[in-house]
Every structure is written in structure tokens, then in C-alpha cells.
Amino acid sequence: MRLWLLPVLVLAGCGGGGEPSAPAAVVPAQAARPVAQSDADIATLLYTDRQRTPAGFPLDTPPPGYGQVTTLHLAGCTDDWDEALEWSETAARDAAVYSDLVATITDPRYYEFGRTPRTPADDYVRMRVYRCAFFDPVAEVLNVRPLDEGTVGAFAAYQWQFTTYNNFGNVVLERATRTTTTAIEHTLDLATLTRAAVTGDCDRIDVIAWSWRVQLATGEVGIQTAPLFSFRARQSGGLIELCAS
């Protein structure tokens, strides 16, 4: 079972006359680069952390005016607003510091309960409970209908925000959706940075395809990753450089 919780998504020619020439050697075609960004571009994105997602990526913008906004999904799902409120209240009571309920939102995907902790810090907590009619995180089934590329793409992008990939050292390079006879698949091409064990050595950067596949017949959600390529780089004295493999 997967945990859906944030404690805190290119000519040919012929020769002239004369003696027959030897057949030209066949040169294998090079595989197309899977992402548009160069290695240097990717390294810059990772080390600077200025842009973690590409333009147009749907982000869940936190409300303004708070020092820190934490968004979390409570385990399970319900289509009963009162039950969702009860879960939120239980979570607030069980927390180290109680949070007062100050706002509620009913979204087609979830119920949201906005709370402010009883601390001097100007923080805000958004507790969300998935509506079963949209998504059951326990069964890992997307129940919303109709299932189409827009819905699956938005769902995957939303879920990305609640994973370790939405942290420093990770960046979304590209995203694409395709439909097969049995499923809709949304793929995010991600770059991840793994620091070297020894300071000053080259870090490892992996580019992977991270795919969310939703079965058309059942709505069952599956996730898989596939390596695309990797390279090494480092940042020293504010300068970013690529390393020889």
C-alpha cells in the first residue's frame, strides 16, 4: 500500500561513374535525446533551485499572508463532509499543538479544513481529506469519471507536490500524457541530484521517467520509474561545471 500523506506533481546520395566503390559503412542512428535541456541546463536548474517545474505546470498555490503553510492529506477518503471534519478535528487534537479551525473549502477532489496553530508563529495548516468519488488512496483507485488525459495529468502533477521530488535537488524537466488501449499514462521527466560522499568530488545527476498509469477499466493507479541517462557535475565557488564521466 502506498502512503498518500504529507506531514507537512532526423539523406541519401549516389556516387558518379568509374570503378565500383565499396559499400558505405552503415552508421547506427543515434537515439534522440529524451529531454530538450542540455546537461549544463539541467545542472543549473538543480543547483540554483530557481525553477523546479516547467512553465505551465499546475501548482497548488498556498494562501498568502502566512509565515509557513503546511498542506497534508489525512489517510483514507470519505464523501461525508461531517466525517471529514471529524477526522480533521481528531488530527488537530492529536498534534503537539492544537490548531483552531478558521476556514473550510469543498473541492471536487477533497474537503479542506484550514487551521491556525496556537503558537506565536504565523503558520497555517491545510488538512485535506480526499473525496472517495474522486480518489481512494487506500485502494489506489481514481474514481472520477470520465477518465481523460487532462484529469490524469492534473492528478499526477498534484500528487508530485506531495513527494520527495518536490524538494531541493529535484526538478521536473518535461511532462507528457498518452493514451493506450487500456490506460492513460502521464510521465514526468525528472532530474535528481545525489551529492558526492566526499566534499569537492563530482555529484551524480540522474534523469528518469516517472510515470503515473491509470487503468481505463478500473481507475487503478500504478507508478513506475525508468532511467533515461545520467551524468556528473559539481558546484564550486558559485560556479557549476560538468565532470568527465
Protein backbone atom coordinates (compact mmCIF):
# COMPACT_ATOMS: atom_id res chain seq x y z
CA MET A 1 0.00 0.00 0.00
CA ARG A 2 1.29 3.46 -0.87
CA LEU A 3 1.14 6.22 1.71
CA TRP A 4 -0.60 9.33 0.43
CA LEU A 5 0.36 11.70 3.20
CA LEU A 6 2.44 14.82 3.56
CA PRO A 7 3.41 15.57 7.16
CA VAL A 8 3.79 18.82 6.27
CA LEU A 9 3.24 16.61 -9.06
CA VAL A 10 16.21 13.11 -38.37
CA LEU A 11 19.54 11.77 -46.99
CA ALA A 12 20.99 9.54 -49.10
CA GLY A 13 23.13 10.06 -52.26
CA CYS A 14 24.80 8.11 -55.04
CA GLY A 15 28.33 8.25 -56.44
CA GLY A 16 29.48 9.02 -60.04
CA GLY A 17 30.94 6.61 -62.65
CA GLY A 18 34.25 4.77 -62.58
CA GLU A 19 35.30 1.73 -60.68
CA PRO A 20 32.66 0.31 -58.37
CA SER A 21 33.19 1.58 -54.89
CA ALA A 22 32.92 -0.39 -51.72
CA PRO A 23 29.56 -0.21 -49.96
CA ALA A 24 29.39 2.64 -47.49
CA ALA A 25 29.54 1.63 -43.88
CA VAL A 26 26.22 1.73 -42.11
CA VAL A 27 26.35 4.12 -39.17
CA PRO A 28 23.78 3.38 -36.47
CA ALA A 29 21.41 6.26 -35.85
CA GLN A 30 21.89 7.97 -32.51
CA ALA A 31 18.98 7.81 -30.16
CA ALA A 32 17.17 11.10 -29.77
CA ARG A 33 17.85 12.92 -26.51
CA PRO A 34 14.81 12.30 -24.30
CA VAL A 35 14.68 15.87 -22.94
CA ALA A 36 15.26 19.27 -24.53
CA GLN A 37 17.58 20.63 -21.84
CA SER A 38 21.34 20.16 -22.11
CA ASP A 39 23.34 18.62 -19.27
CA ALA A 40 24.53 22.12 -18.32
CA ASP A 41 20.94 23.40 -18.28
CA ILE A 42 19.86 20.56 -16.01
CA ALA A 43 22.75 21.05 -13.61
CA THR A 44 21.98 24.77 -13.36
CA LEU A 45 18.34 24.10 -12.59
CA LEU A 46 19.26 21.66 -9.84
CA TYR A 47 21.95 23.67 -8.11
CA THR A 48 20.16 27.02 -8.22
CA ASP A 49 16.68 25.64 -7.41
CA ARG A 50 15.20 28.72 -9.08
CA GLN A 51 12.64 26.82 -11.17
CA ARG A 52 11.61 23.38 -10.02
CA THR A 53 8.86 22.92 -12.63
CA PRO A 54 8.47 23.92 -16.31
CA ALA A 55 6.27 26.79 -17.42
CA GLY A 56 2.58 25.99 -17.20
CA PHE A 57 2.99 23.28 -14.58
CA PRO A 58 -0.11 23.35 -12.34
CA LEU A 59 0.93 24.21 -8.80
CA ASP A 60 -1.19 24.32 -5.67
CA THR A 61 -0.53 27.90 -4.54
CA PRO A 62 -0.68 28.42 -0.75
CA PRO A 63 -2.76 31.27 0.65
CA PRO A 64 -0.75 34.49 1.15
CA GLY A 65 -0.07 36.27 4.40
CA TYR A 66 1.36 33.40 6.46
CA GLY A 67 4.89 32.65 7.57
CA GLN A 68 4.54 28.99 6.67
CA VAL A 69 1.76 26.97 5.06
CA THR A 70 1.67 23.20 5.55
CA THR A 71 -0.64 21.04 3.45
CA LEU A 72 -1.38 17.44 4.35
CA HIS A 73 -3.82 14.75 3.30
CA LEU A 74 -5.35 12.70 6.07
CA ALA A 75 -5.38 8.96 5.42
CA GLY A 76 -8.42 7.46 3.73
CA CYS A 77 -11.32 9.06 1.88
CA THR A 78 -14.95 9.94 2.53
CA ASP A 79 -17.86 11.58 0.76
CA ASP A 80 -19.31 12.78 4.07
CA TRP A 81 -18.26 16.35 4.98
CA ASP A 82 -19.08 15.83 8.65
CA GLU A 83 -16.91 12.73 8.82
CA ALA A 84 -14.04 14.59 7.13
CA LEU A 85 -14.40 17.39 9.69
CA GLU A 86 -14.26 14.85 12.50
CA TRP A 87 -11.03 13.40 11.09
CA SER A 88 -9.55 16.89 10.91
CA GLU A 89 -10.57 17.63 14.49
CA THR A 90 -9.02 14.37 15.68
CA ALA A 91 -5.77 15.18 13.88
CA ALA A 92 -5.75 18.65 15.43
CA ARG A 93 -6.26 17.27 18.93
CA ASP A 94 -3.55 14.64 18.46
CA ALA A 95 -0.98 17.19 17.30
CA ALA A 96 1.63 18.58 19.69
CA VAL A 97 -0.07 21.98 19.40
CA TYR A 98 -3.80 22.32 18.75
CA SER A 99 -4.88 24.21 15.61
CA ASP A 100 -8.10 26.21 15.51
CA LEU A 101 -10.44 25.75 12.56
CA VAL A 102 -10.67 29.03 10.63
CA ALA A 103 -11.78 28.04 7.10
CA THR A 104 -13.37 25.22 5.11
CA ILE A 105 -13.33 24.52 1.36
CA THR A 106 -15.23 21.90 -0.60
CA ASP A 107 -13.31 20.97 -3.74
CA PRO A 108 -14.39 18.32 -6.29
CA ARG A 109 -11.29 16.38 -5.20
CA TYR A 110 -11.24 16.85 -1.43
CA TYR A 111 -12.57 18.59 1.66
CA GLU A 112 -10.17 21.15 3.11
CA PHE A 113 -10.04 22.41 6.67
CA GLY A 114 -7.82 25.44 7.26
CA ARG A 115 -6.36 25.72 10.74
CA THR A 116 -4.06 28.07 12.62
CA PRO A 117 -1.82 26.55 15.33
CA ARG A 118 -1.93 28.13 18.79
CA THR A 119 1.68 29.29 18.61
CA PRO A 120 3.32 32.72 18.24
CA ALA A 121 4.40 31.76 14.69
CA ASP A 122 2.16 32.95 11.89
CA ASP A 123 1.55 29.48 10.41
CA TYR A 124 -1.36 27.90 8.58
CA VAL A 125 -2.25 24.22 8.18
CA ARG A 126 -4.43 22.91 5.36
CA MET A 127 -5.84 19.49 6.28
CA ARG A 128 -7.37 17.74 3.30
CA VAL A 129 -9.46 14.58 3.02
CA TYR A 130 -9.93 13.01 -0.39
CA ARG A 131 -13.49 12.52 -1.56
CA CYS A 132 -13.95 8.85 -2.44
CA ALA A 133 -15.86 9.87 -5.55
CA PHE A 134 -12.57 11.36 -6.77
CA PHE A 135 -9.79 9.17 -5.35
CA ASP A 136 -9.45 6.34 -2.87
CA PRO A 137 -5.85 6.45 -1.59
CA VAL A 138 -6.18 3.17 0.29
CA ALA A 139 -7.33 1.15 -2.74
CA GLU A 140 -5.22 3.40 -5.01
CA VAL A 141 -8.12 3.93 -7.41
CA LEU A 142 -9.04 7.10 -9.25
CA ASN A 143 -12.84 7.06 -9.21
CA VAL A 144 -13.62 10.31 -11.04
CA ARG A 145 -15.31 9.91 -14.41
CA PRO A 146 -14.81 10.37 -17.25
CA LEU A 147 -11.15 9.44 -17.22
CA ASP A 148 -9.28 11.53 -19.76
CA GLU A 149 -5.76 12.84 -20.32
CA GLY A 150 -6.46 16.18 -18.68
CA THR A 151 -7.76 14.58 -15.50
CA VAL A 152 -4.91 12.09 -15.19
CA GLY A 153 -2.28 14.72 -15.99
CA ALA A 154 -3.62 17.11 -13.38
CA PHE A 155 -3.85 14.30 -10.82
CA ALA A 156 -0.23 13.23 -11.35
CA ALA A 157 1.02 16.82 -11.18
CA TYR A 158 -0.90 17.36 -7.95
CA GLN A 159 0.48 14.19 -6.38
CA TRP A 160 4.05 15.18 -7.35
CA GLN A 161 3.80 18.07 -4.92
CA PHE A 162 3.46 15.62 -2.00
CA THR A 163 6.57 13.56 -2.77
CA THR A 164 10.29 13.88 -2.12
CA TYR A 165 10.66 15.02 -5.74
CA ASN A 166 9.28 18.40 -4.67
CA ASN A 167 12.42 19.27 -2.71
CA PHE A 168 15.82 20.80 -3.39
CA GLY A 169 17.89 18.58 -5.67
CA ASN A 170 14.93 17.64 -7.87
CA VAL A 171 13.41 19.29 -10.92
CA VAL A 172 10.65 18.48 -13.41
CA LEU A 173 12.07 18.88 -16.93
CA GLU A 174 9.11 17.91 -19.10
CA ARG A 175 5.73 16.23 -18.87
CA ALA A 176 3.56 14.39 -21.40
CA THR A 177 0.41 12.28 -21.50
CA ARG A 178 -0.51 9.39 -23.77
CA THR A 179 -3.49 7.07 -24.06
CA THR A 180 -3.23 3.39 -24.91
CA THR A 181 -5.99 0.84 -25.42
CA THR A 182 -6.05 0.06 -21.71
CA ALA A 183 -4.68 3.04 -19.81
CA ILE A 184 -3.83 6.71 -19.64
CA GLU A 185 -0.23 7.41 -18.72
CA HIS A 186 1.20 10.72 -17.56
CA THR A 187 5.01 10.88 -17.48
CA LEU A 188 7.16 13.45 -15.77
CA ASP A 189 10.81 13.53 -16.83
CA LEU A 190 12.68 14.34 -13.63
CA ALA A 191 16.28 15.15 -12.77
CA THR A 192 17.59 14.27 -9.32
CA LEU A 193 20.83 15.30 -7.64
CA THR A 194 22.81 12.90 -5.44
CA ARG A 195 25.64 14.55 -3.55
CA ALA A 196 29.12 13.02 -3.63
CA ALA A 197 30.27 11.28 -0.47
CA VAL A 198 33.41 13.43 -0.40
CA THR A 199 33.20 17.22 -0.50
CA GLY A 200 34.63 18.55 -3.75
CA ASP A 201 34.03 15.35 -5.70
CA CYS A 202 31.54 15.28 -8.55
CA ASP A 203 27.86 14.79 -7.76
CA ARG A 204 25.66 12.38 -9.70
CA ILE A 205 22.65 13.63 -11.67
CA ASP A 206 20.08 11.09 -12.83
CA VAL A 207 17.31 11.81 -15.32
CA ILE A 208 14.37 9.45 -15.03
CA ALA A 209 10.89 8.99 -16.46
CA TRP A 210 8.34 8.87 -13.65
CA SER A 211 5.00 7.58 -14.96
CA TRP A 212 1.54 7.51 -13.45
CA ARG A 213 -0.65 4.95 -15.23
CA VAL A 214 -4.40 4.82 -14.68
CA GLN A 215 -6.31 1.81 -15.97
CA LEU A 216 -9.29 2.87 -18.08
CA ALA A 217 -11.47 -0.03 -16.98
CA THR A 218 -10.96 0.29 -13.22
CA GLY A 219 -9.20 3.57 -12.44
CA GLU A 220 -6.43 1.67 -10.67
CA VAL A 221 -3.33 3.84 -10.28
CA GLY A 222 0.17 2.47 -10.81
CA ILE A 223 3.52 4.23 -10.66
CA GLN A 224 6.77 3.23 -12.29
CA THR A 225 10.17 4.82 -12.92
CA ALA A 226 12.65 4.20 -15.73
CA PRO A 227 16.21 5.56 -16.05
CA LEU A 228 16.91 7.78 -19.07
CA PHE A 229 20.53 8.88 -18.59
CA SER A 230 22.94 10.21 -16.00
CA PHE A 231 25.99 12.46 -15.77
CA ARG A 232 28.19 14.12 -13.19
CA ALA A 233 28.61 17.73 -12.18
CA ARG A 234 29.65 19.88 -9.26
CA GLN A 235 29.29 23.37 -7.88
CA SER A 236 32.37 25.05 -6.50
CA GLY A 237 32.83 28.66 -5.53
CA GLY A 238 29.49 29.53 -7.06
CA LEU A 239 30.47 28.01 -10.41
CA ILE A 240 28.70 24.99 -11.91
CA GLU A 241 30.73 22.63 -14.07
CA LEU A 242 30.20 19.28 -15.75
CA CYS A 243 32.56 16.43 -14.92
CA ALA A 244 34.07 13.86 -17.25
CA SER A 245 32.28 10.56 -16.91
